[in-house]
C-alpha cells in the first residue's frame, strides 16, 4: 500500500506468511463468519466457512476484549486485492489492502473495544462475480475474545447503481482502487448521517441493459444476488431504496430502455413492498426523460422520480472527469438526499 492513515488509538498490522484458514471453527478461539456477534452491512455471502463481499461500502462491526484480535481472510484466488479501512473505538481509519491472510488489530487497554471494518474499494475490472473471485473480501474467521453485539440500526437504506454508487474516481482521476472510495460516496454519507443500516451495491459499467465489468450481469439479473451462486439477503424490510441507473445505457434508445427500467423498478417493488423508492435522474442527464416517464406510468405513490438537475457542476469541481462525482460532489449529493429523506411520505 502506498498510503496508511496512522491512528493514535490503535495499531493494525498485516501479518505476512500466515496460511489461509480452511475452516475457521477448527482453530482455537476462532469465531466463525456466521457467528451472531458479527454485524454485517451490505451484501455478504455467509456460511460457517466464509463471509464474502464484492461491494465497496460493505461493512463489518464487532466487539472484543483484550489487547488484540485477528481477522482472517482467504486470498488464495485474489489477483487484485480489495482495500479496506479499519477503525477501533471510533478512532481514525487506517487503510490496508487485503493481500494477506491475517490482519492483526491491537488496541490500548483491555477494552471492551469496537471495531468497524469498511470496504473502501473492490476493483471493478477484475472478476468479482463468478467464484473463484479475483477480488473482494472473504472473511474466514476472527481469532480473539468477542463480545455480544450492539443493537443494529433500525432504519434500513439500500442503494443500487453503477460505478458512481461504488465510489469510483471519488478521490482522484485515475480508475484504480487508490482513487476509488465507496465510503466517500453518497450512500455511506447518507446512511451515516441518518444512523441507518446500509446496503451499497454499485458495479462499474453496469446499467439496466448494459452488463457490468468484472463479469457482473445487468442490474435486473444481478439484483437479489451477492455474487453468482449466492442469494442476497432480502430487501423486504428496507425503508428506502435509492436507484441510480441509466448512465451506462446511453447506447440504447427509449424503446429498449423504458421497459427494462420499468421491469427493474417493478422487481424492486416486489422485493420491498413497503419501501420508499427514489429513482434518481443520472447526474449527467442520461435517460432523464425516460426515467421520469416510467415513474409516472407506474403511478406508485411510494416510487418517486428525483430530478438531480443542478445538483452538481463540472465548473465547481464536483466531478473527476465528465461522469464520476468527486468526494466534494458526493458530499453535495448526500446533503440533498439527507434533506429529502428527512421528509417522510
C-alpha atoms as a PDB file:
ATOM      1  CA  UNK A   1       0.000   0.000   0.000  1.00  0.00           C
ATOM      2  CA  UNK A   2       1.187   3.441  -0.793  1.00  0.00           C
ATOM      3  CA  UNK A   3      -0.891   5.140   1.860  1.00  0.00           C
ATOM      4  CA  UNK A   4      -1.541   4.328   5.536  1.00  0.00           C
ATOM      5  CA  UNK A   5      -3.518   6.557   7.880  1.00  0.00           C
ATOM      6  CA  UNK A   6      -1.812   6.332  11.278  1.00  0.00           C
ATOM      7  CA  UNK A   7      -4.094   6.044  14.284  1.00  0.00           C
ATOM      8  CA  UNK A   8      -3.118   7.066  17.785  1.00  0.00           C
ATOM      9  CA  UNK A   9      -5.895   4.933  19.238  1.00  0.00           C
ATOM     10  CA  UNK A  10      -4.897   1.607  17.757  1.00  0.00           C
ATOM     11  CA  UNK A  11      -2.349  -0.136  15.602  1.00  0.00           C
ATOM     12  CA  UNK A  12      -3.306  -2.541  12.838  1.00  0.00           C
ATOM     13  CA  UNK A  13      -0.782  -4.791  11.134  1.00  0.00           C
ATOM     14  CA  UNK A  14      -0.923  -7.360   8.358  1.00  0.00           C
ATOM     15  CA  UNK A  15       0.956 -10.496   9.261  1.00  0.00           C
ATOM     16  CA  UNK A  16       2.888 -11.985   6.379  1.00  0.00           C
ATOM     17  CA  UNK A  17       3.364 -15.668   5.852  1.00  0.00           C
ATOM     18  CA  UNK A  18       0.193 -16.965   7.508  1.00  0.00           C
ATOM     19  CA  UNK A  19      -1.718 -19.787   5.839  1.00  0.00           C
ATOM     20  CA  UNK A  20      -5.335 -19.003   4.905  1.00  0.00           C
ATOM     21  CA  UNK A  21      -7.535 -20.946   7.316  1.00  0.00           C
ATOM     22  CA  UNK A  22      -9.631 -23.575   5.574  1.00  0.00           C
ATOM     23  CA  UNK A  23     -12.184 -23.990   8.371  1.00  0.00           C
ATOM     24  CA  UNK A  24     -12.062 -21.270  10.990  1.00  0.00           C
ATOM     25  CA  UNK A  25     -14.122 -23.227  13.508  1.00  0.00           C
ATOM     26  CA  UNK A  26     -11.315 -25.804  13.708  1.00  0.00           C
ATOM     27  CA  UNK A  27      -8.841 -23.300  15.198  1.00  0.00           C
ATOM     28  CA  UNK A  28      -8.754 -22.396  18.902  1.00  0.00           C
ATOM     29  CA  UNK A  29     -10.534 -19.163  19.867  1.00  0.00           C
ATOM     30  CA  UNK A  30     -11.701 -18.547  16.315  1.00  0.00           C
ATOM     31  CA  UNK A  31     -15.197 -17.186  15.784  1.00  0.00           C
ATOM     32  CA  UNK A  32     -16.875 -18.445  12.625  1.00  0.00           C
ATOM     33  CA  UNK A  33     -18.009 -15.937   9.979  1.00  0.00           C
ATOM     34  CA  UNK A  34     -21.673 -16.768  10.590  1.00  0.00           C
ATOM     35  CA  UNK A  35     -21.480 -16.027  14.323  1.00  0.00           C
ATOM     36  CA  UNK A  36     -24.243 -13.711  15.564  1.00  0.00           C
ATOM     37  CA  UNK A  37     -21.705 -11.486  17.301  1.00  0.00           C
ATOM     38  CA  UNK A  38     -20.603 -10.221  13.895  1.00  0.00           C
ATOM     39  CA  UNK A  39     -22.740  -7.431  12.433  1.00  0.00           C
ATOM     40  CA  UNK A  40     -22.615  -7.227   8.642  1.00  0.00           C
ATOM     41  CA  UNK A  41     -23.962  -4.407   6.479  1.00  0.00           C
ATOM     42  CA  UNK A  42     -24.389  -4.729   2.741  1.00  0.00           C
ATOM     43  CA  UNK A  43     -24.288  -7.821   0.574  1.00  0.00           C
ATOM     44  CA  UNK A  44     -22.227 -10.582   2.167  1.00  0.00           C
ATOM     45  CA  UNK A  45     -22.459 -14.280   1.385  1.00  0.00           C
ATOM     46  CA  UNK A  46     -22.304 -16.016   4.767  1.00  0.00           C
ATOM     47  CA  UNK A  47     -21.563 -19.609   5.729  1.00  0.00           C
ATOM     48  CA  UNK A  48     -19.735 -21.267   8.600  1.00  0.00           C
ATOM     49  CA  UNK A  49     -16.605 -21.268   6.437  1.00  0.00           C
ATOM     50  CA  UNK A  50     -16.583 -17.793   4.898  1.00  0.00           C
ATOM     51  CA  UNK A  51     -18.328 -14.429   4.526  1.00  0.00           C
ATOM     52  CA  UNK A  52     -17.591 -12.686   1.240  1.00  0.00           C
ATOM     53  CA  UNK A  53     -18.496  -9.315  -0.237  1.00  0.00           C
ATOM     54  CA  UNK A  54     -17.723  -7.906  -3.677  1.00  0.00           C
ATOM     55  CA  UNK A  55     -19.127  -4.443  -2.950  1.00  0.00           C
ATOM     56  CA  UNK A  56     -17.376  -1.254  -1.948  1.00  0.00           C
ATOM     57  CA  UNK A  57     -19.131   0.262   1.056  1.00  0.00           C
ATOM     58  CA  UNK A  58     -19.920  -3.058   2.746  1.00  0.00           C
ATOM     59  CA  UNK A  59     -19.173  -3.106   6.472  1.00  0.00           C
ATOM     60  CA  UNK A  60     -18.463  -5.400   9.396  1.00  0.00           C
ATOM     61  CA  UNK A  61     -18.625  -4.493  13.090  1.00  0.00           C
ATOM     62  CA  UNK A  62     -17.765  -6.473  16.191  1.00  0.00           C
ATOM     63  CA  UNK A  63     -16.691  -6.009  19.820  1.00  0.00           C
ATOM     64  CA  UNK A  64     -13.844  -7.672  21.658  1.00  0.00           C
ATOM     65  CA  UNK A  65     -11.907  -7.672  24.922  1.00  0.00           C
ATOM     66  CA  UNK A  66      -8.163  -7.858  25.301  1.00  0.00           C
ATOM     67  CA  UNK A  67      -5.348  -6.063  23.562  1.00  0.00           C
ATOM     68  CA  UNK A  68      -5.642  -7.640  20.114  1.00  0.00           C
ATOM     69  CA  UNK A  69      -7.813  -9.607  17.723  1.00  0.00           C
ATOM     70  CA  UNK A  70      -7.046 -11.225  14.353  1.00  0.00           C
ATOM     71  CA  UNK A  71      -9.301 -11.031  11.296  1.00  0.00           C
ATOM     72  CA  UNK A  72      -8.605 -13.949   8.964  1.00  0.00           C
ATOM     73  CA  UNK A  73      -9.043 -13.892   5.188  1.00  0.00           C
ATOM     74  CA  UNK A  74      -8.900 -16.236   2.226  1.00  0.00           C
ATOM     75  CA  UNK A  75      -6.824 -14.582  -0.512  1.00  0.00           C
ATOM     76  CA  UNK A  76      -5.890 -17.693  -2.493  1.00  0.00           C
ATOM     77  CA  UNK A  77      -7.646 -16.630  -5.724  1.00  0.00           C
ATOM     78  CA  UNK A  78      -7.148 -12.861  -5.344  1.00  0.00           C
ATOM     79  CA  UNK A  79      -5.218 -11.083  -8.101  1.00  0.00           C
ATOM     80  CA  UNK A  80      -6.283  -7.502  -7.284  1.00  0.00           C
ATOM     81  CA  UNK A  81      -6.599  -7.039  -3.501  1.00  0.00           C
ATOM     82  CA  UNK A  82      -9.547  -5.089  -2.165  1.00  0.00           C
ATOM     83  CA  UNK A  83      -8.844  -2.074   0.024  1.00  0.00           C
ATOM     84  CA  UNK A  84     -10.399  -1.675   3.467  1.00  0.00           C
ATOM     85  CA  UNK A  85     -10.464   0.795   6.316  1.00  0.00           C
ATOM     86  CA  UNK A  86     -10.231  -0.325   9.943  1.00  0.00           C
ATOM     87  CA  UNK A  87     -11.313   1.870  12.854  1.00  0.00           C
ATOM     88  CA  UNK A  88     -11.083   0.946  16.534  1.00  0.00           C
ATOM     89  CA  UNK A  89     -13.324   2.572  19.148  1.00  0.00           C
ATOM     90  CA  UNK A  90     -14.388   5.255  16.688  1.00  0.00           C
ATOM     91  CA  UNK A  91     -10.798   6.377  16.138  1.00  0.00           C
ATOM     92  CA  UNK A  92      -9.135   7.387  12.848  1.00  0.00           C
ATOM     93  CA  UNK A  93      -9.424   4.958   9.954  1.00  0.00           C
ATOM     94  CA  UNK A  94      -6.394   3.042   8.748  1.00  0.00           C
ATOM     95  CA  UNK A  95      -6.155   1.907   5.146  1.00  0.00           C
ATOM     96  CA  UNK A  96      -4.965  -1.557   4.079  1.00  0.00           C
ATOM     97  CA  UNK A  97      -5.016  -3.898   1.119  1.00  0.00           C
ATOM     98  CA  UNK A  98      -6.429  -7.343   1.865  1.00  0.00           C
ATOM     99  CA  UNK A  99      -3.467  -9.170   0.370  1.00  0.00           C
ATOM    100  CA  UNK A 100      -2.545 -11.365   3.364  1.00  0.00           C
ATOM    101  CA  UNK A 101      -4.476 -13.947   5.345  1.00  0.00           C
ATOM    102  CA  UNK A 102      -4.132 -12.430   8.814  1.00  0.00           C
ATOM    103  CA  UNK A 103      -4.931  -8.867   9.874  1.00  0.00           C
ATOM    104  CA  UNK A 104      -3.959  -8.195  13.498  1.00  0.00           C
ATOM    105  CA  UNK A 105      -5.805  -5.391  15.252  1.00  0.00           C
ATOM    106  CA  UNK A 106      -4.459  -4.081  18.539  1.00  0.00           C
ATOM    107  CA  UNK A 107      -5.807  -1.513  20.958  1.00  0.00           C
ATOM    108  CA  UNK A 108      -4.657   0.004  24.257  1.00  0.00           C
ATOM    109  CA  UNK A 109      -6.122  -1.470  27.413  1.00  0.00           C
ATOM    110  CA  UNK A 110      -8.325  -4.488  27.905  1.00  0.00           C
ATOM    111  CA  UNK A 111     -11.441  -2.925  26.469  1.00  0.00           C
ATOM    112  CA  UNK A 112     -14.155  -3.565  25.637  1.00  0.00           C
ATOM    113  CA  UNK A 113     -13.326  -2.356  22.118  1.00  0.00           C
ATOM    114  CA  UNK A 114     -15.417  -1.865  18.994  1.00  0.00           C
ATOM    115  CA  UNK A 115     -14.035  -2.498  15.509  1.00  0.00           C
ATOM    116  CA  UNK A 116     -15.505  -1.269  12.232  1.00  0.00           C
ATOM    117  CA  UNK A 117     -14.121  -2.709   9.011  1.00  0.00           C
ATOM    118  CA  UNK A 118     -15.411  -0.913   5.913  1.00  0.00           C
ATOM    119  CA  UNK A 119     -14.659  -1.834   2.320  1.00  0.00           C
ATOM    120  CA  UNK A 120     -13.058   1.122   0.547  1.00  0.00           C
ATOM    121  CA  UNK A 121     -12.860  -0.451  -2.906  1.00  0.00           C
ATOM    122  CA  UNK A 122     -13.293  -3.709  -4.770  1.00  0.00           C
ATOM    123  CA  UNK A 123     -11.712  -3.129  -8.168  1.00  0.00           C
ATOM    124  CA  UNK A 124     -14.450  -3.230 -10.799  1.00  0.00           C
ATOM    125  CA  UNK A 125     -12.418  -4.638 -13.684  1.00  0.00           C
ATOM    126  CA  UNK A 126     -11.313  -7.886 -12.045  1.00  0.00           C
ATOM    127  CA  UNK A 127     -13.640 -10.879 -11.787  1.00  0.00           C
ATOM    128  CA  UNK A 128     -15.816 -10.241  -8.751  1.00  0.00           C
ATOM    129  CA  UNK A 129     -18.898 -12.179  -9.747  1.00  0.00           C
ATOM    130  CA  UNK A 130     -18.119 -15.798 -10.501  1.00  0.00           C
ATOM    131  CA  UNK A 131     -16.104 -17.765  -7.898  1.00  0.00           C
ATOM    132  CA  UNK A 132     -13.199 -18.191  -7.545  1.00  0.00           C
ATOM    133  CA  UNK A 133     -13.182 -14.417  -7.116  1.00  0.00           C
ATOM    134  CA  UNK A 134     -10.173 -12.397  -8.247  1.00  0.00           C
ATOM    135  CA  UNK A 135     -11.076  -9.529  -5.921  1.00  0.00           C
ATOM    136  CA  UNK A 136     -13.327  -8.898  -2.955  1.00  0.00           C
ATOM    137  CA  UNK A 137     -13.144  -9.521   0.794  1.00  0.00           C
ATOM    138  CA  UNK A 138     -13.522 -13.103   2.034  1.00  0.00           C
ATOM    139  CA  UNK A 139     -13.501 -13.392   5.826  1.00  0.00           C
ATOM    140  CA  UNK A 140     -12.864 -16.884   7.206  1.00  0.00           C
ATOM    141  CA  UNK A 141     -12.980 -16.086  10.912  1.00  0.00           C
ATOM    142  CA  UNK A 142     -11.899 -13.880  13.787  1.00  0.00           C
ATOM    143  CA  UNK A 143      -9.459 -15.075  16.410  1.00  0.00           C
ATOM    144  CA  UNK A 144      -9.961 -13.417  19.767  1.00  0.00           C
ATOM    145  CA  UNK A 145     -12.395 -12.881  22.605  1.00  0.00           C
ATOM    146  CA  UNK A 146     -15.557 -11.405  21.104  1.00  0.00           C
ATOM    147  CA  UNK A 147     -18.453  -9.859  22.983  1.00  0.00           C
ATOM    148  CA  UNK A 148     -22.143  -9.702  22.235  1.00  0.00           C
ATOM    149  CA  UNK A 149     -23.089  -7.241  19.547  1.00  0.00           C
ATOM    150  CA  UNK A 150     -24.735  -3.857  19.882  1.00  0.00           C
ATOM    151  CA  UNK A 151     -28.275  -3.485  18.642  1.00  0.00           C
ATOM    152  CA  UNK A 152     -28.247  -2.983  14.856  1.00  0.00           C
ATOM    153  CA  UNK A 153     -29.646   0.177  13.273  1.00  0.00           C
ATOM    154  CA  UNK A 154     -33.417   0.118  12.911  1.00  0.00           C
ATOM    155  CA  UNK A 155     -33.671   2.158   9.711  1.00  0.00           C
ATOM    156  CA  UNK A 156     -32.532   0.322   6.572  1.00  0.00           C
ATOM    157  CA  UNK A 157     -31.340   2.066   3.411  1.00  0.00           C
ATOM    158  CA  UNK A 158     -30.355   0.368   0.153  1.00  0.00           C
ATOM    159  CA  UNK A 159     -28.558   1.981  -2.804  1.00  0.00           C
ATOM    160  CA  UNK A 160     -28.256   0.328  -6.217  1.00  0.00           C
ATOM    161  CA  UNK A 161     -26.260   1.741  -9.099  1.00  0.00           C
ATOM    162  CA  UNK A 162     -23.077   1.670 -11.141  1.00  0.00           C
ATOM    163  CA  UNK A 163     -19.513   2.917 -10.634  1.00  0.00           C
ATOM    164  CA  UNK A 164     -20.844   6.199  -9.240  1.00  0.00           C
ATOM    165  CA  UNK A 165     -22.623   4.380  -6.417  1.00  0.00           C
ATOM    166  CA  UNK A 166     -19.427   2.332  -5.981  1.00  0.00           C
ATOM    167  CA  UNK A 167     -17.341   5.476  -5.449  1.00  0.00           C
ATOM    168  CA  UNK A 168     -15.042   5.061  -8.461  1.00  0.00           C
ATOM    169  CA  UNK A 169     -12.811   8.127  -9.039  1.00  0.00           C
ATOM    170  CA  UNK A 170     -14.092   9.778  -5.864  1.00  0.00           C
ATOM    171  CA  UNK A 171     -10.582  10.667  -4.661  1.00  0.00           C
ATOM    172  CA  UNK A 172      -8.722  11.343  -7.930  1.00  0.00           C
ATOM    173  CA  UNK A 173      -8.968  10.943 -11.696  1.00  0.00           C
ATOM    174  CA  UNK A 174      -7.383   7.523 -12.326  1.00  0.00           C
ATOM    175  CA  UNK A 175      -9.510   4.377 -12.489  1.00  0.00           C
ATOM    176  CA  UNK A 176      -7.673   2.462  -9.771  1.00  0.00           C
ATOM    177  CA  UNK A 177      -8.530   1.345  -6.259  1.00  0.00           C
ATOM    178  CA  UNK A 178      -6.327   4.141  -4.889  1.00  0.00           C
ATOM    179  CA  UNK A 179      -8.659   6.719  -6.477  1.00  0.00           C
ATOM    180  CA  UNK A 180     -11.894   4.930  -5.563  1.00  0.00           C
ATOM    181  CA  UNK A 181     -13.598   5.098  -2.181  1.00  0.00           C
ATOM    182  CA  UNK A 182     -17.015   3.632  -1.514  1.00  0.00           C
ATOM    183  CA  UNK A 183     -17.041   5.149   1.959  1.00  0.00           C
ATOM    184  CA  UNK A 184     -16.684   8.645   0.468  1.00  0.00           C
ATOM    185  CA  UNK A 185     -19.632   8.039  -1.883  1.00  0.00           C
ATOM    186  CA  UNK A 186     -23.078   9.419  -1.164  1.00  0.00           C
ATOM    187  CA  UNK A 187     -24.696   6.114   0.020  1.00  0.00           C
ATOM    188  CA  UNK A 188     -22.342   5.797   3.004  1.00  0.00           C
ATOM    189  CA  UNK A 189     -22.595   9.520   3.779  1.00  0.00           C
ATOM    190  CA  UNK A 190     -26.396   9.392   3.785  1.00  0.00           C
ATOM    191  CA  UNK A 191     -26.635   6.238   5.902  1.00  0.00           C
ATOM    192  CA  UNK A 192     -24.181   7.557   8.480  1.00  0.00           C
ATOM    193  CA  UNK A 193     -25.970  10.890   8.750  1.00  0.00           C
ATOM    194  CA  UNK A 194     -29.320   9.146   9.301  1.00  0.00           C
ATOM    195  CA  UNK A 195     -27.873   6.468  11.624  1.00  0.00           C
ATOM    196  CA  UNK A 196     -29.181   3.781   9.283  1.00  0.00           C
ATOM    197  CA  UNK A 197     -28.082   0.336   8.201  1.00  0.00           C
ATOM    198  CA  UNK A 198     -26.520   0.420   4.729  1.00  0.00           C
ATOM    199  CA  UNK A 199     -26.703  -1.756   1.648  1.00  0.00           C
ATOM    200  CA  UNK A 200     -24.463  -0.210  -1.025  1.00  0.00           C
ATOM    201  CA  UNK A 201     -24.288  -2.062  -4.335  1.00  0.00           C
ATOM    202  CA  UNK A 202     -22.518  -0.427  -7.263  1.00  0.00           C
ATOM    203  CA  UNK A 203     -20.974  -2.152 -10.262  1.00  0.00           C
ATOM    204  CA  UNK A 204     -18.797  -0.324 -12.802  1.00  0.00           C
ATOM    205  CA  UNK A 205     -20.184  -0.069 -16.363  1.00  0.00           C
ATOM    206  CA  UNK A 206     -23.491  -1.648 -15.327  1.00  0.00           C
ATOM    207  CA  UNK A 207     -26.910  -0.431 -16.436  1.00  0.00           C
ATOM    208  CA  UNK A 208     -30.383  -1.870 -16.619  1.00  0.00           C
ATOM    209  CA  UNK A 209     -29.434  -3.296 -20.039  1.00  0.00           C
ATOM    210  CA  UNK A 210     -25.635  -2.925 -20.089  1.00  0.00           C
ATOM    211  CA  UNK A 211     -23.659  -5.633 -18.306  1.00  0.00           C
ATOM    212  CA  UNK A 212     -21.038  -4.578 -15.762  1.00  0.00           C
ATOM    213  CA  UNK A 213     -17.294  -5.000 -15.515  1.00  0.00           C
ATOM    214  CA  UNK A 214     -15.833  -7.993 -13.735  1.00  0.00           C
ATOM    215  CA  UNK A 215     -18.376 -10.450 -15.149  1.00  0.00           C
ATOM    216  CA  UNK A 216     -21.322  -8.731 -13.444  1.00  0.00           C
ATOM    217  CA  UNK A 217     -24.721  -9.074 -15.191  1.00  0.00           C
ATOM    218  CA  UNK A 218     -27.058  -6.173 -15.954  1.00  0.00           C
ATOM    219  CA  UNK A 219     -28.913  -4.701 -12.975  1.00  0.00           C
ATOM    220  CA  UNK A 220     -32.043  -6.818 -13.248  1.00  0.00           C
ATOM    221  CA  UNK A 221     -30.130 -10.095 -13.417  1.00  0.00           C
ATOM    222  CA  UNK A 222     -27.688  -9.080 -10.671  1.00  0.00           C
ATOM    223  CA  UNK A 223     -30.395  -7.945  -8.259  1.00  0.00           C
ATOM    224  CA  UNK A 224     -31.008 -10.410  -5.456  1.00  0.00           C
ATOM    225  CA  UNK A 225     -27.509 -11.905  -5.552  1.00  0.00           C
ATOM    226  CA  UNK A 226     -24.333 -11.261  -3.567  1.00  0.00           C
ATOM    227  CA  UNK A 227     -22.418 -12.793  -6.461  1.00  0.00           C
ATOM    228  CA  UNK A 228     -23.008 -15.782  -8.736  1.00  0.00           C
ATOM    229  CA  UNK A 229     -24.471 -18.683  -6.789  1.00  0.00           C
ATOM    230  CA  UNK A 230     -25.076 -16.702  -3.575  1.00  0.00           C
ATOM    231  CA  UNK A 231     -28.572 -15.270  -2.975  1.00  0.00           C
ATOM    232  CA  UNK A 232     -28.556 -11.900  -1.214  1.00  0.00           C
ATOM    233  CA  UNK A 233     -30.466 -11.017   1.897  1.00  0.00           C
ATOM    234  CA  UNK A 234     -33.970  -9.789   1.061  1.00  0.00           C
ATOM    235  CA  UNK A 235     -34.768  -6.067   0.869  1.00  0.00           C
ATOM    236  CA  UNK A 236     -38.229  -6.772   2.266  1.00  0.00           C
ATOM    237  CA  UNK A 237     -37.622  -4.649   5.369  1.00  0.00           C
ATOM    238  CA  UNK A 238     -35.874  -1.789   3.559  1.00  0.00           C
ATOM    239  CA  UNK A 239     -37.259   1.633   4.424  1.00  0.00           C
ATOM    240  CA  UNK A 240     -35.730   3.396   1.402  1.00  0.00           C
ATOM    241  CA  UNK A 241     -34.205   2.160  -1.865  1.00  0.00           C
ATOM    242  CA  UNK A 242     -32.257   4.642  -3.996  1.00  0.00           C
ATOM    243  CA  UNK A 243     -31.692   3.763  -7.663  1.00  0.00           C
ATOM    244  CA  UNK A 244     -29.062   5.468  -9.817  1.00  0.00           C
ATOM    245  CA  UNK A 245     -29.093   3.641 -13.149  1.00  0.00           C
ATOM    246  CA  UNK A 246     -29.115   4.767 -16.775  1.00  0.00           C
ATOM    247  CA  UNK A 247     -25.710   6.436 -17.138  1.00  0.00           C
ATOM    248  CA  UNK A 248     -24.267   3.351 -18.836  1.00  0.00           C
ATOM    249  CA  UNK A 249     -27.310   2.677 -21.023  1.00  0.00           C
ATOM    250  CA  UNK A 250     -26.777   5.514 -23.495  1.00  0.00           C
ATOM    251  CA  UNK A 251     -26.325   3.061 -26.379  1.00  0.00           C
ATOM    252  CA  UNK A 252     -29.993   2.092 -26.037  1.00  0.00           C
ATOM    253  CA  UNK A 253     -32.966   4.157 -27.098  1.00  0.00           C
ATOM    254  CA  UNK A 254     -36.213   4.773 -25.207  1.00  0.00           C
ATOM    255  CA  UNK A 255     -37.937   1.789 -26.802  1.00  0.00           C
ATOM    256  CA  UNK A 256     -35.386  -0.540 -25.195  1.00  0.00           C
ATOM    257  CA  UNK A 257     -34.562   1.375 -22.057  1.00  0.00           C
ATOM    258  CA  UNK A 258     -38.035   2.166 -20.745  1.00  0.00           C
ATOM    259  CA  UNK A 259     -39.357  -1.400 -20.466  1.00  0.00           C
ATOM    260  CA  UNK A 260     -36.054  -2.571 -18.948  1.00  0.00           C
ATOM    261  CA  UNK A 261     -36.064   0.241 -16.375  1.00  0.00           C
ATOM    262  CA  UNK A 262     -39.718  -0.356 -15.572  1.00  0.00           C
ATOM    263  CA  UNK A 263     -39.109  -4.079 -15.065  1.00  0.00           C
ATOM    264  CA  UNK A 264     -36.243  -3.233 -12.710  1.00  0.00           C
ATOM    265  CA  UNK A 265     -38.370  -0.886 -10.596  1.00  0.00           C
ATOM    266  CA  UNK A 266     -41.171  -3.435 -10.508  1.00  0.00           C
ATOM    267  CA  UNK A 267     -38.748  -6.064  -9.308  1.00  0.00           C
ATOM    268  CA  UNK A 268     -37.588  -3.767  -6.511  1.00  0.00           C
ATOM    269  CA  UNK A 269     -41.192  -3.082  -5.526  1.00  0.00           C
ATOM    270  CA  UNK A 270     -41.991  -6.798  -5.396  1.00  0.00           C
ATOM    271  CA  UNK A 271     -38.933  -7.422  -3.228  1.00  0.00           C
ATOM    272  CA  UNK A 272     -39.612  -4.440  -0.921  1.00  0.00           C
ATOM    273  CA  UNK A 273     -43.363  -3.789  -0.906  1.00  0.00           C
ATOM    274  CA  UNK A 274     -43.238  -1.044   1.734  1.00  0.00           C
ATOM    275  CA  UNK A 275     -40.055   0.799   0.768  1.00  0.00           C
ATOM    276  CA  UNK A 276     -39.865   4.345  -0.458  1.00  0.00           C
ATOM    277  CA  UNK A 277     -38.122   4.035  -3.858  1.00  0.00           C
ATOM    278  CA  UNK A 278     -36.203   7.038  -5.178  1.00  0.00           C
ATOM    279  CA  UNK A 279     -35.397   6.856  -8.899  1.00  0.00           C
ATOM    280  CA  UNK A 280     -32.608   9.381  -9.455  1.00  0.00           C
ATOM    281  CA  UNK A 281     -32.052  11.283 -12.650  1.00  0.00           C
ATOM    282  CA  UNK A 282     -28.466  10.292 -13.552  1.00  0.00           C
ATOM    283  CA  UNK A 283     -26.157  13.194 -12.790  1.00  0.00           C
ATOM    284  CA  UNK A 284     -25.176  13.573 -16.450  1.00  0.00           C
ATOM    285  CA  UNK A 285     -28.838  13.553 -17.512  1.00  0.00           C
ATOM    286  CA  UNK A 286     -28.770  10.207 -19.325  1.00  0.00           C
ATOM    287  CA  UNK A 287     -32.308   8.880 -19.927  1.00  0.00           C
ATOM    288  CA  UNK A 288     -33.749  11.547 -17.624  1.00  0.00           C
ATOM    289  CA  UNK A 289     -36.987  11.858 -19.605  1.00  0.00           C
ATOM    290  CA  UNK A 290     -37.327   8.089 -19.858  1.00  0.00           C
ATOM    291  CA  UNK A 291     -36.911   7.577 -16.109  1.00  0.00           C
ATOM    292  CA  UNK A 292     -39.412  10.318 -15.300  1.00  0.00           C
ATOM    293  CA  UNK A 293     -41.879   8.807 -17.772  1.00  0.00           C
ATOM    294  CA  UNK A 294     -41.559   5.309 -16.337  1.00  0.00           C
ATOM    295  CA  UNK A 295     -42.097   6.546 -12.779  1.00  0.00           C
ATOM    296  CA  UNK A 296     -45.166   8.461 -13.946  1.00  0.00           C
ATOM    297  CA  UNK A 297     -46.594   5.399 -15.697  1.00  0.00           C
ATOM    298  CA  UNK A 298     -46.161   3.266 -12.595  1.00  0.00           C
ATOM    299  CA  UNK A 299     -48.353   5.652 -10.595  1.00  0.00           C
ATOM    300  CA  UNK A 300     -46.932   4.204  -7.393  1.00  0.00           C
ATOM    301  CA  UNK A 301     -47.162   6.769  -4.567  1.00  0.00           C
ATOM    302  CA  UNK A 302     -44.100   5.238  -2.893  1.00  0.00           C
ATOM    303  CA  UNK A 303     -41.925   5.465  -6.035  1.00  0.00           C
ATOM    304  CA  UNK A 304     -40.562   8.932  -6.844  1.00  0.00           C
ATOM    305  CA  UNK A 305     -38.538  10.480  -9.637  1.00  0.00           C
ATOM    306  CA  UNK A 306     -35.802  12.653  -8.139  1.00  0.00           C
ATOM    307  CA  UNK A 307     -34.690  15.394 -10.502  1.00  0.00           C
ATOM    308  CA  UNK A 308     -30.987  15.976  -9.801  1.00  0.00           C
ATOM    309  CA  UNK A 309     -30.637  18.810 -12.311  1.00  0.00           C
ATOM    310  CA  UNK A 310     -28.270  21.436 -10.917  1.00  0.00           C
ATOM    311  CA  UNK A 311     -27.065  19.333  -8.005  1.00  0.00           C
ATOM    312  CA  UNK A 312     -23.520  19.110  -9.377  1.00  0.00           C
ATOM    313  CA  UNK A 313     -21.297  21.268 -11.560  1.00  0.00           C
ATOM    314  CA  UNK A 314     -18.158  20.414 -13.511  1.00  0.00           C
ATOM    315  CA  UNK A 315     -17.017  24.043 -13.188  1.00  0.00           C
ATOM    316  CA  UNK A 316     -17.230  23.854  -9.399  1.00  0.00           C
ATOM    317  CA  UNK A 317     -15.034  20.751  -9.140  1.00  0.00           C
ATOM    318  CA  UNK A 318     -17.856  18.338  -8.399  1.00  0.00           C
ATOM    319  CA  UNK A 319     -16.604  15.749 -10.915  1.00  0.00           C
ATOM    320  CA  UNK A 320     -13.479  13.811 -11.717  1.00  0.00           C
ATOM    321  CA  UNK A 321     -13.921  13.527 -15.448  1.00  0.00           C
ATOM    322  CA  UNK A 322     -17.306  14.046 -17.065  1.00  0.00           C
ATOM    323  CA  UNK A 323     -19.337  11.412 -15.198  1.00  0.00           C
ATOM    324  CA  UNK A 324     -17.946  10.477 -11.782  1.00  0.00           C
ATOM    325  CA  UNK A 325     -18.500  12.799  -8.820  1.00  0.00           C
ATOM    326  CA  UNK A 326     -15.507  13.813  -6.745  1.00  0.00           C
ATOM    327  CA  UNK A 327     -15.655  13.439  -2.966  1.00  0.00           C
ATOM    328  CA  UNK A 328     -16.930  17.009  -2.915  1.00  0.00           C
ATOM    329  CA  UNK A 329     -19.634  16.082  -5.422  1.00  0.00           C
ATOM    330  CA  UNK A 330     -20.672  13.042  -3.418  1.00  0.00           C
ATOM    331  CA  UNK A 331     -20.984  15.249  -0.340  1.00  0.00           C
ATOM    332  CA  UNK A 332     -23.326  17.577  -2.227  1.00  0.00           C
ATOM    333  CA  UNK A 333     -25.475  14.684  -3.425  1.00  0.00           C
ATOM    334  CA  UNK A 334     -25.591  13.255   0.081  1.00  0.00           C
ATOM    335  CA  UNK A 335     -26.740  16.563   1.549  1.00  0.00           C
ATOM    336  CA  UNK A 336     -29.585  16.731  -0.977  1.00  0.00           C
ATOM    337  CA  UNK A 337     -30.699  13.177  -0.251  1.00  0.00           C
ATOM    338  CA  UNK A 338     -30.448  13.649   3.505  1.00  0.00           C
ATOM    339  CA  UNK A 339     -32.765  16.632   3.236  1.00  0.00           C
ATOM    340  CA  UNK A 340     -35.145  14.670   1.030  1.00  0.00           C
ATOM    341  CA  UNK A 341     -35.206  11.645   3.317  1.00  0.00           C
ATOM    342  CA  UNK A 342     -35.976  13.763   6.347  1.00  0.00           C
ATOM    343  CA  UNK A 343     -39.304  14.440   4.625  1.00  0.00           C
ATOM    344  CA  UNK A 344     -41.096  11.143   5.170  1.00  0.00           C
ATOM    345  CA  UNK A 345     -44.044  10.343   2.960  1.00  0.00           C
END
